[in-house]
Each structure stands twice: as structure tokens, then as C-alpha cells.
Amino acid sequence: MINHQLTTTGFELDGYKIVKQFGLVRGIIVRSRSIFGTIGAGLQTLIGGNITLLTDLCERTRLDAYDMMLKHAEDAGANAVVGIRYDATEVMSGVTEVLCYGTAVKVEKV
């Protein structure tokens, strides 16, 4: 798996030079809330503050999309990913697509 230190939202990695670009890589996850999660989150909204059930779901979904993107980059021959971004779209009520994407590159230490 690609070292997390060799991933960035920027387009350069300090101490490394990009020697090859492999192009766009992505990880896409589509998730829905369970009925229990929806009820639990609804109860948490009554109390106010951080809705931990939804926060945890969002964090797990983003991490899964990120890991899928890293696997895609590794399969392409990359050892790093630059320009990482996230996007989310509600596909239907309660169902969200999370996309993590970036540019797969090969880097060497300077």
C-alpha cells in the first residue's frame, strides 16, 4: 500500500521529485444510513452538538474511498498521489456517493 506520507492535497511533495505521472485515480463509495443509524442520529439531534453516528459514518466512508483510491494508484504503478480531493453527492434520499480522487505519480527522493 502507498505510504500515507506520500499523499497530499498539494501538487508537490517536499523532498521528492515527480519522475512519472500515471494520471487520474479514484475511489468511489456509495453508502446509505441504516434504519438504526437514522433513528440514533435523529435522537442525537434532539440533544444537539456533534452527531457522532453520522460523523463516524462519514469518516469511515471517506477513509474507504481514500483507501480504494490508493489501491487504484498502486495498481497503476504509482508510489504517491498528489492533488487529492473529495467530492460527495446525494444520489437519492439517504444515499450518498463519496469520491476521492487525485493524480497517481512516481516520486524519488531528492
N, C-alpha and C. Protein backbone atom coordinates (compact mmCIF):
# COMPACT_ATOMS: atom_id res chain seq x y z
N MET A 1 0.84 -1.18 0.00
CA MET A 1 0.00 0.00 0.00
C MET A 1 0.89 1.24 0.00
N ILE A 2 0.42 2.27 -0.64
CA ILE A 2 1.16 3.53 -0.72
C ILE A 2 1.25 4.16 0.67
N ASN A 3 2.44 4.63 1.01
CA ASN A 3 2.68 5.31 2.28
C ASN A 3 1.84 6.58 2.36
N HIS A 4 1.08 6.74 3.43
CA HIS A 4 0.21 7.91 3.59
C HIS A 4 1.01 9.21 3.58
N GLN A 5 2.29 9.16 3.93
CA GLN A 5 3.12 10.36 3.90
C GLN A 5 3.43 10.79 2.47
N LEU A 6 3.17 9.92 1.51
CA LEU A 6 3.40 10.25 0.11
C LEU A 6 2.09 10.56 -0.60
N THR A 7 1.15 11.13 0.16
CA THR A 7 -0.10 11.62 -0.39
C THR A 7 -0.29 13.05 0.08
N THR A 8 -0.89 13.88 -0.79
CA THR A 8 -1.06 15.28 -0.44
C THR A 8 -2.18 15.92 -1.26
N THR A 9 -2.76 16.97 -0.71
CA THR A 9 -3.70 17.77 -1.47
C THR A 9 -2.96 18.75 -2.37
N GLY A 10 -1.68 18.94 -2.10
CA GLY A 10 -0.84 19.80 -2.93
C GLY A 10 -0.41 19.05 -4.19
N PHE A 11 0.41 19.74 -4.98
CA PHE A 11 0.86 19.12 -6.23
C PHE A 11 2.35 18.80 -6.22
N GLU A 12 2.96 18.95 -5.05
CA GLU A 12 4.37 18.59 -4.85
C GLU A 12 4.51 17.94 -3.48
N LEU A 13 5.55 17.14 -3.33
CA LEU A 13 5.90 16.55 -2.05
C LEU A 13 7.29 17.05 -1.68
N ASP A 14 7.40 17.74 -0.55
CA ASP A 14 8.71 18.24 -0.13
C ASP A 14 9.72 17.11 -0.01
N GLY A 15 10.89 17.33 -0.59
CA GLY A 15 11.96 16.34 -0.53
C GLY A 15 11.89 15.28 -1.61
N TYR A 16 10.90 15.39 -2.50
CA TYR A 16 10.72 14.41 -3.58
C TYR A 16 10.52 15.13 -4.90
N LYS A 17 10.88 14.44 -5.99
CA LYS A 17 10.56 14.97 -7.31
C LYS A 17 9.71 13.94 -8.04
N ILE A 18 8.76 14.45 -8.80
CA ILE A 18 7.90 13.57 -9.59
C ILE A 18 8.65 13.16 -10.84
N VAL A 19 8.79 11.86 -11.03
CA VAL A 19 9.52 11.36 -12.20
C VAL A 19 8.59 10.75 -13.25
N LYS A 20 7.35 10.46 -12.84
CA LYS A 20 6.39 9.90 -13.80
C LYS A 20 4.98 10.14 -13.29
N GLN A 21 4.08 10.46 -14.22
CA GLN A 21 2.66 10.61 -13.88
C GLN A 21 1.88 9.47 -14.51
N PHE A 22 0.95 8.92 -13.74
CA PHE A 22 0.12 7.82 -14.24
C PHE A 22 -1.31 8.27 -14.53
N GLY A 23 -1.64 9.49 -14.14
CA GLY A 23 -2.98 10.01 -14.42
C GLY A 23 -3.91 9.91 -13.23
N LEU A 24 -5.17 10.14 -13.51
CA LEU A 24 -6.22 10.20 -12.51
C LEU A 24 -6.48 8.83 -11.89
N VAL A 25 -6.60 8.82 -10.57
CA VAL A 25 -7.02 7.63 -9.84
C VAL A 25 -8.17 8.03 -8.92
N ARG A 26 -9.04 7.07 -8.62
CA ARG A 26 -10.18 7.41 -7.79
C ARG A 26 -10.66 6.22 -6.99
N GLY A 27 -11.38 6.55 -5.94
CA GLY A 27 -12.09 5.57 -5.14
C GLY A 27 -13.50 6.09 -4.95
N ILE A 28 -14.49 5.26 -5.23
CA ILE A 28 -15.89 5.67 -5.14
C ILE A 28 -16.62 4.72 -4.21
N ILE A 29 -17.32 5.29 -3.25
CA ILE A 29 -18.13 4.52 -2.30
C ILE A 29 -19.53 5.12 -2.31
N VAL A 30 -20.54 4.28 -2.35
CA VAL A 30 -21.93 4.73 -2.21
C VAL A 30 -22.47 4.08 -0.95
N ARG A 31 -22.91 4.92 -0.01
CA ARG A 31 -23.38 4.42 1.28
C ARG A 31 -24.76 4.95 1.60
N SER A 32 -25.49 4.17 2.39
CA SER A 32 -26.77 4.64 2.93
C SER A 32 -26.72 4.47 4.44
N ARG A 33 -27.56 5.23 5.09
CA ARG A 33 -27.69 5.08 6.54
C ARG A 33 -28.61 3.90 6.80
N SER A 34 -28.32 3.15 7.85
CA SER A 34 -29.23 2.09 8.26
C SER A 34 -30.40 2.72 9.01
N ILE A 35 -31.45 1.98 9.16
CA ILE A 35 -32.61 2.48 9.91
C ILE A 35 -32.22 2.79 11.35
N PHE A 36 -31.33 1.96 11.92
CA PHE A 36 -30.89 2.19 13.30
C PHE A 36 -30.03 3.45 13.39
N GLY A 37 -29.18 3.65 12.40
CA GLY A 37 -28.35 4.85 12.36
C GLY A 37 -29.19 6.11 12.20
N THR A 38 -30.23 6.01 11.38
CA THR A 38 -31.10 7.15 11.16
C THR A 38 -31.86 7.50 12.44
N ILE A 39 -32.37 6.49 13.13
CA ILE A 39 -33.09 6.73 14.39
C ILE A 39 -32.14 7.28 15.44
N GLY A 40 -30.96 6.68 15.55
CA GLY A 40 -29.97 7.13 16.54
C GLY A 40 -29.53 8.57 16.27
N ALA A 41 -29.29 8.89 15.00
CA ALA A 41 -28.88 10.25 14.64
C ALA A 41 -30.02 11.23 14.93
N GLY A 42 -31.25 10.80 14.67
CA GLY A 42 -32.40 11.64 14.97
C GLY A 42 -32.49 11.96 16.45
N LEU A 43 -32.22 10.96 17.29
CA LEU A 43 -32.23 11.18 18.74
C LEU A 43 -31.09 12.12 19.15
N GLN A 44 -29.93 11.98 18.52
CA GLN A 44 -28.80 12.87 18.85
C GLN A 44 -29.10 14.31 18.47
N THR A 45 -29.89 14.53 17.41
CA THR A 45 -30.21 15.91 17.03
C THR A 45 -31.07 16.59 18.09
N LEU A 46 -31.82 15.80 18.85
CA LEU A 46 -32.64 16.38 19.92
C LEU A 46 -31.77 16.95 21.03
N ILE A 47 -30.63 16.33 21.26
CA ILE A 47 -29.70 16.78 22.31
C ILE A 47 -28.85 17.93 21.80
N GLY A 48 -28.54 17.91 20.51
CA GLY A 48 -27.69 18.95 19.92
C GLY A 48 -26.23 18.55 19.94
N GLY A 49 -25.40 19.36 19.32
CA GLY A 49 -23.97 19.10 19.28
C GLY A 49 -23.59 18.17 18.14
N ASN A 50 -22.42 17.56 18.28
CA ASN A 50 -21.89 16.66 17.26
C ASN A 50 -22.76 15.41 17.16
N ILE A 51 -23.18 15.07 15.98
CA ILE A 51 -23.98 13.86 15.76
C ILE A 51 -22.99 12.76 15.42
N THR A 52 -22.51 12.09 16.46
CA THR A 52 -21.39 11.15 16.32
C THR A 52 -21.68 9.98 15.39
N LEU A 53 -22.92 9.51 15.37
CA LEU A 53 -23.24 8.39 14.48
C LEU A 53 -22.99 8.76 13.02
N LEU A 54 -23.40 9.96 12.64
CA LEU A 54 -23.19 10.40 11.25
C LEU A 54 -21.74 10.79 11.00
N THR A 55 -21.10 11.40 12.00
CA THR A 55 -19.68 11.75 11.87
C THR A 55 -18.85 10.50 11.62
N ASP A 56 -19.11 9.45 12.40
CA ASP A 56 -18.37 8.19 12.23
C ASP A 56 -18.65 7.56 10.87
N LEU A 57 -19.90 7.60 10.43
CA LEU A 57 -20.25 7.05 9.11
C LEU A 57 -19.52 7.81 8.01
N CYS A 58 -19.52 9.13 8.10
CA CYS A 58 -18.83 9.95 7.09
C CYS A 58 -17.33 9.68 7.09
N GLU A 59 -16.74 9.59 8.27
CA GLU A 59 -15.30 9.36 8.36
C GLU A 59 -14.93 8.00 7.78
N ARG A 60 -15.70 6.96 8.11
CA ARG A 60 -15.43 5.61 7.56
C ARG A 60 -15.59 5.61 6.05
N THR A 61 -16.60 6.30 5.55
CA THR A 61 -16.84 6.33 4.11
C THR A 61 -15.70 7.03 3.38
N ARG A 62 -15.26 8.17 3.92
CA ARG A 62 -14.13 8.88 3.29
C ARG A 62 -12.87 8.04 3.32
N LEU A 63 -12.61 7.37 4.44
CA LEU A 63 -11.42 6.52 4.56
C LEU A 63 -11.48 5.36 3.57
N ASP A 64 -12.65 4.75 3.41
CA ASP A 64 -12.79 3.65 2.44
C ASP A 64 -12.54 4.15 1.01
N ALA A 65 -13.07 5.32 0.67
CA ALA A 65 -12.85 5.89 -0.67
C ALA A 65 -11.36 6.21 -0.87
N TYR A 66 -10.72 6.76 0.17
CA TYR A 66 -9.29 7.08 0.13
C TYR A 66 -8.47 5.81 -0.08
N ASP A 67 -8.75 4.77 0.70
CA ASP A 67 -8.02 3.50 0.57
C ASP A 67 -8.21 2.89 -0.82
N MET A 68 -9.43 3.00 -1.35
CA MET A 68 -9.70 2.47 -2.69
C MET A 68 -8.90 3.25 -3.74
N MET A 69 -8.80 4.58 -3.56
CA MET A 69 -8.01 5.40 -4.48
C MET A 69 -6.53 4.98 -4.42
N LEU A 70 -6.01 4.77 -3.20
CA LEU A 70 -4.61 4.35 -3.06
C LEU A 70 -4.36 3.01 -3.74
N LYS A 71 -5.30 2.09 -3.64
CA LYS A 71 -5.17 0.78 -4.30
C LYS A 71 -5.16 0.97 -5.82
N HIS A 72 -6.00 1.84 -6.32
CA HIS A 72 -6.04 2.13 -7.76
C HIS A 72 -4.69 2.69 -8.21
N ALA A 73 -4.12 3.61 -7.40
CA ALA A 73 -2.82 4.20 -7.73
C ALA A 73 -1.72 3.15 -7.70
N GLU A 74 -1.74 2.31 -6.69
CA GLU A 74 -0.73 1.25 -6.59
C GLU A 74 -0.82 0.30 -7.78
N ASP A 75 -2.03 -0.07 -8.17
CA ASP A 75 -2.22 -0.95 -9.32
C ASP A 75 -1.69 -0.32 -10.61
N ALA A 76 -1.71 1.02 -10.67
CA ALA A 76 -1.21 1.73 -11.85
C ALA A 76 0.32 1.81 -11.86
N GLY A 77 0.97 1.48 -10.73
CA GLY A 77 2.42 1.54 -10.64
C GLY A 77 2.96 2.73 -9.88
N ALA A 78 2.07 3.51 -9.28
CA ALA A 78 2.49 4.72 -8.55
C ALA A 78 2.98 4.39 -7.14
N ASN A 79 3.77 5.31 -6.59
CA ASN A 79 4.17 5.19 -5.19
C ASN A 79 3.73 6.42 -4.39
N ALA A 80 2.96 7.33 -5.04
CA ALA A 80 2.46 8.53 -4.37
C ALA A 80 1.23 9.04 -5.11
N VAL A 81 0.45 9.89 -4.42
CA VAL A 81 -0.71 10.53 -5.04
C VAL A 81 -0.70 12.00 -4.63
N VAL A 82 -0.83 12.88 -5.62
CA VAL A 82 -0.86 14.32 -5.36
C VAL A 82 -2.21 14.88 -5.83
N GLY A 83 -2.52 16.09 -5.34
CA GLY A 83 -3.74 16.76 -5.75
C GLY A 83 -5.01 16.06 -5.30
N ILE A 84 -4.97 15.44 -4.13
CA ILE A 84 -6.12 14.67 -3.65
C ILE A 84 -7.28 15.59 -3.30
N ARG A 85 -8.46 15.17 -3.71
CA ARG A 85 -9.69 15.90 -3.43
C ARG A 85 -10.79 14.90 -3.09
N TYR A 86 -11.82 15.40 -2.41
CA TYR A 86 -13.03 14.64 -2.11
C TYR A 86 -14.22 15.35 -2.72
N ASP A 87 -15.22 14.57 -3.09
CA ASP A 87 -16.48 15.12 -3.55
C ASP A 87 -17.58 14.19 -3.04
N ALA A 88 -18.71 14.76 -2.70
CA ALA A 88 -19.84 13.95 -2.23
C ALA A 88 -21.10 14.42 -2.94
N THR A 89 -21.94 13.45 -3.31
CA THR A 89 -23.19 13.74 -3.99
C THR A 89 -24.28 12.86 -3.40
N GLU A 90 -25.42 13.48 -3.10
CA GLU A 90 -26.55 12.69 -2.64
C GLU A 90 -27.20 12.07 -3.87
N VAL A 91 -27.15 10.75 -3.98
CA VAL A 91 -27.67 10.02 -5.13
C VAL A 91 -29.19 9.93 -5.03
N MET A 92 -29.67 9.67 -3.83
CA MET A 92 -31.10 9.67 -3.51
C MET A 92 -31.21 9.91 -2.02
N SER A 93 -32.39 10.11 -1.53
CA SER A 93 -32.55 10.43 -0.12
C SER A 93 -31.90 9.36 0.77
N GLY A 94 -30.95 9.79 1.58
CA GLY A 94 -30.27 8.86 2.49
C GLY A 94 -29.15 8.07 1.86
N VAL A 95 -28.87 8.28 0.58
CA VAL A 95 -27.81 7.54 -0.11
C VAL A 95 -26.83 8.55 -0.69
N THR A 96 -25.57 8.43 -0.30
CA THR A 96 -24.56 9.39 -0.71
C THR A 96 -23.38 8.68 -1.36
N GLU A 97 -22.89 9.30 -2.46
CA GLU A 97 -21.68 8.84 -3.12
C GLU A 97 -20.54 9.72 -2.63
N VAL A 98 -19.44 9.08 -2.23
CA VAL A 98 -18.22 9.82 -1.86
C VAL A 98 -17.13 9.40 -2.82
N LEU A 99 -16.53 10.40 -3.46
CA LEU A 99 -15.47 10.19 -4.43
C LEU A 99 -14.18 10.80 -3.89
N CYS A 100 -13.13 10.04 -3.89
CA CYS A 100 -11.80 10.54 -3.54
C CYS A 100 -10.94 10.34 -4.78
N TYR A 101 -10.28 11.43 -5.21
CA TYR A 101 -9.51 11.33 -6.45
C TYR A 101 -8.24 12.16 -6.37
N GLY A 102 -7.29 11.82 -7.21
CA GLY A 102 -6.03 12.53 -7.27
C GLY A 102 -5.23 12.07 -8.48
N THR A 103 -3.99 12.54 -8.55
CA THR A 103 -3.10 12.15 -9.64
C THR A 103 -2.07 11.17 -9.12
N ALA A 104 -2.01 10.01 -9.70
CA ALA A 104 -1.03 8.99 -9.33
C ALA A 104 0.31 9.33 -9.95
N VAL A 105 1.36 9.30 -9.13
CA VAL A 105 2.70 9.64 -9.61
C VAL A 105 3.73 8.69 -9.03
N LYS A 106 4.89 8.69 -9.66
CA LYS A 106 6.05 8.01 -9.10
C LYS A 106 6.99 9.10 -8.67
N VAL A 107 7.45 9.05 -7.43
CA VAL A 107 8.37 10.06 -6.91
C VAL A 107 9.67 9.40 -6.47
N GLU A 108 10.71 10.21 -6.48
CA GLU A 108 12.03 9.80 -5.96
C GLU A 108 12.53 10.86 -5.02
N LYS A 109 13.23 10.43 -3.97
CA LYS A 109 13.81 11.38 -3.03
C LYS A 109 14.84 12.26 -3.73
N VAL A 110 14.83 13.54 -3.37
CA VAL A 110 15.78 14.49 -3.96
C VAL A 110 17.10 14.39 -3.21
